[in-house]
């Protein structure tokens, strides 16, 4: 948002900013006014937006990034734990099925570490849930908390 607001301050119109992202001016207006709801932003969309703003991928997943990301990571871990409880699998079972260590899994579940894409895929495969479902639920939780 900081970079989008900077573009506005430089005199860019909402339409020009929208064109950068491949979205309409109304969407940019909602972003700026922090109105959320109805958005169906995919991970691919987020990567496209980051590219338009010249934000390197590493900055998006950096561990020392703002609290918003760490809160998101905690929520992803909580959701993974819920699905694990529903699957009736233990941490040991998941570790065996995913070839991840119990320490890695516990760190993700507790929100102490962000799951790498590979870890997320392996955990989700072990508990038989689609990773996109987990990420969408976490994003929905974040948006409703704002």
Protein backbone atom coordinates (compact mmCIF):
# COMPACT_ATOMS: atom_id res chain seq x y z
CA UNK A 1 0.00 0.00 0.00
CA UNK A 2 2.84 2.37 0.75
CA UNK A 3 4.06 2.13 -2.83
CA UNK A 4 0.56 2.55 -4.25
CA UNK A 5 0.01 5.65 -2.12
CA UNK A 6 3.39 6.97 -3.28
CA UNK A 7 2.26 6.55 -6.90
CA UNK A 8 -0.88 8.58 -6.08
CA UNK A 9 1.26 11.26 -4.44
CA UNK A 10 3.37 11.40 -7.62
CA UNK A 11 0.20 12.29 -9.52
CA UNK A 12 -0.73 8.91 -10.99
CA UNK A 13 -4.46 8.49 -11.47
CA UNK A 14 -6.31 5.49 -10.09
CA UNK A 15 -6.85 4.37 -13.69
CA UNK A 16 -3.10 4.53 -14.40
CA UNK A 17 -2.34 2.54 -11.25
CA UNK A 18 -5.07 0.05 -12.14
CA UNK A 19 -3.56 -0.37 -15.60
CA UNK A 20 -0.23 -1.26 -13.96
CA UNK A 21 -1.92 -4.09 -12.08
CA UNK A 22 -4.46 -5.16 -14.64
CA UNK A 23 -7.37 -4.12 -12.42
CA UNK A 24 -10.03 -1.46 -12.69
CA UNK A 25 -9.95 1.99 -11.18
CA UNK A 26 -12.70 0.98 -8.72
CA UNK A 27 -10.46 -1.75 -7.31
CA UNK A 28 -7.62 0.74 -6.77
CA UNK A 29 -10.09 3.08 -5.08
CA UNK A 30 -11.14 0.28 -2.68
CA UNK A 31 -7.50 -0.52 -1.93
CA UNK A 32 -6.71 3.09 -1.13
CA UNK A 33 -9.79 3.55 1.03
CA UNK A 34 -9.04 0.15 2.69
CA UNK A 35 -12.45 -1.22 1.79
CA UNK A 36 -12.20 -4.97 1.47
CA UNK A 37 -14.66 -7.57 0.36
CA UNK A 38 -15.37 -9.51 -2.78
CA UNK A 39 -11.74 -9.58 -3.89
CA UNK A 40 -10.54 -12.85 -5.31
CA UNK A 41 -6.82 -12.21 -5.28
CA UNK A 42 -4.79 -15.26 -6.20
CA UNK A 43 -1.17 -15.86 -5.33
CA UNK A 44 -0.41 -15.22 -9.02
CA UNK A 45 -2.18 -11.84 -8.76
CA UNK A 46 -0.08 -10.93 -5.74
CA UNK A 47 3.11 -11.82 -7.59
CA UNK A 48 1.97 -9.72 -10.58
CA UNK A 49 1.26 -6.77 -8.27
CA UNK A 50 4.65 -7.11 -6.60
CA UNK A 51 6.34 -7.19 -10.01
CA UNK A 52 4.48 -4.03 -11.08
CA UNK A 53 5.80 -2.30 -7.96
CA UNK A 54 9.33 -3.70 -8.40
CA UNK A 55 9.09 -5.56 -5.08
CA UNK A 56 11.45 -8.55 -5.16
CA UNK A 57 9.94 -11.91 -4.24
CA UNK A 58 12.41 -12.25 -1.36
CA UNK A 59 10.97 -9.13 0.23
CA UNK A 60 7.50 -10.70 0.18
CA UNK A 61 8.62 -13.75 2.14
CA UNK A 62 11.34 -12.22 4.30
CA UNK A 63 11.12 -13.43 7.91
CA UNK A 64 11.74 -9.97 9.39
CA UNK A 65 8.90 -8.45 7.39
CA UNK A 66 6.09 -6.47 9.09
CA UNK A 67 3.72 -8.07 11.60
CA UNK A 68 1.01 -8.46 8.95
CA UNK A 69 2.97 -11.28 7.35
CA UNK A 70 3.82 -12.98 10.64
CA UNK A 71 0.16 -12.80 11.67
CA UNK A 72 -0.72 -14.41 8.35
CA UNK A 73 1.85 -17.14 8.97
CA UNK A 74 0.40 -17.82 12.42
CA UNK A 75 -3.05 -18.13 10.90
CA UNK A 76 -1.78 -20.52 8.21
CA UNK A 77 -0.25 -22.63 10.99
CA UNK A 78 -3.50 -22.59 12.98
CA UNK A 79 -5.51 -23.65 9.94
CA UNK A 80 -3.06 -26.44 9.19
CA UNK A 81 -3.42 -27.61 12.80
CA UNK A 82 -7.22 -27.65 12.46
CA UNK A 83 -7.03 -29.75 9.31
CA UNK A 84 -4.54 -32.04 11.04
CA UNK A 85 -6.93 -32.57 13.95
CA UNK A 86 -9.71 -33.35 11.48
CA UNK A 87 -7.48 -35.88 9.75
CA UNK A 88 -6.66 -37.57 13.09
CA UNK A 89 -2.97 -37.66 12.12
CA UNK A 90 -0.20 -37.05 14.63
CA UNK A 91 2.86 -34.88 14.03
CA UNK A 92 4.84 -38.11 13.75
CA UNK A 93 2.44 -39.39 11.06
CA UNK A 94 2.76 -36.14 9.08
CA UNK A 95 6.55 -36.15 9.44
CA UNK A 96 6.69 -39.69 8.12
CA UNK A 97 4.34 -39.00 5.21
CA UNK A 98 5.95 -35.68 4.26
CA UNK A 99 9.66 -36.34 4.85
CA UNK A 100 9.76 -33.21 7.03
CA UNK A 101 11.08 -33.15 10.56
CA UNK A 102 8.71 -32.87 13.49
CA UNK A 103 10.58 -29.68 14.45
CA UNK A 104 9.81 -28.09 11.06
CA UNK A 105 6.15 -29.06 11.28
CA UNK A 106 5.77 -27.79 14.85
CA UNK A 107 7.43 -24.48 13.93
CA UNK A 108 4.95 -24.00 11.07
CA UNK A 109 1.95 -25.03 13.19
CA UNK A 110 2.95 -22.67 16.01
CA UNK A 111 3.54 -19.75 13.65
CA UNK A 112 7.20 -19.50 14.63
CA UNK A 113 8.26 -20.16 11.04
CA UNK A 114 6.58 -19.44 7.76
CA UNK A 115 5.98 -22.56 5.73
CA UNK A 116 8.02 -22.64 2.57
CA UNK A 117 6.00 -23.55 -0.53
CA UNK A 118 7.58 -27.01 -0.41
CA UNK A 119 6.73 -27.51 3.27
CA UNK A 120 3.17 -26.29 2.73
CA UNK A 121 2.72 -28.68 -0.19
CA UNK A 122 4.15 -31.64 1.74
CA UNK A 123 2.07 -30.99 4.87
CA UNK A 124 -1.10 -30.46 2.85
CA UNK A 125 -0.47 -33.62 0.85
CA UNK A 126 0.04 -35.59 4.06
CA UNK A 127 -3.22 -34.36 5.62
CA UNK A 128 -5.02 -34.54 2.27
CA UNK A 129 -6.08 -30.92 1.92
CA UNK A 130 -5.45 -28.58 -1.00
CA UNK A 131 -2.90 -25.87 -0.11
CA UNK A 132 -5.00 -23.25 -1.88
CA UNK A 133 -7.85 -23.96 0.55
CA UNK A 134 -5.54 -23.27 3.50
CA UNK A 135 -4.20 -20.06 1.96
CA UNK A 136 -7.67 -18.80 1.02
CA UNK A 137 -8.97 -19.41 4.54
CA UNK A 138 -5.99 -17.56 6.02
CA UNK A 139 -6.47 -14.63 3.64
CA UNK A 140 -10.19 -14.52 4.44
CA UNK A 141 -9.37 -14.46 8.17
CA UNK A 142 -6.91 -11.58 7.66
CA UNK A 143 -9.41 -9.55 5.63
CA UNK A 144 -12.20 -10.02 8.16
CA UNK A 145 -9.86 -9.00 10.99
CA UNK A 146 -8.91 -5.70 9.29
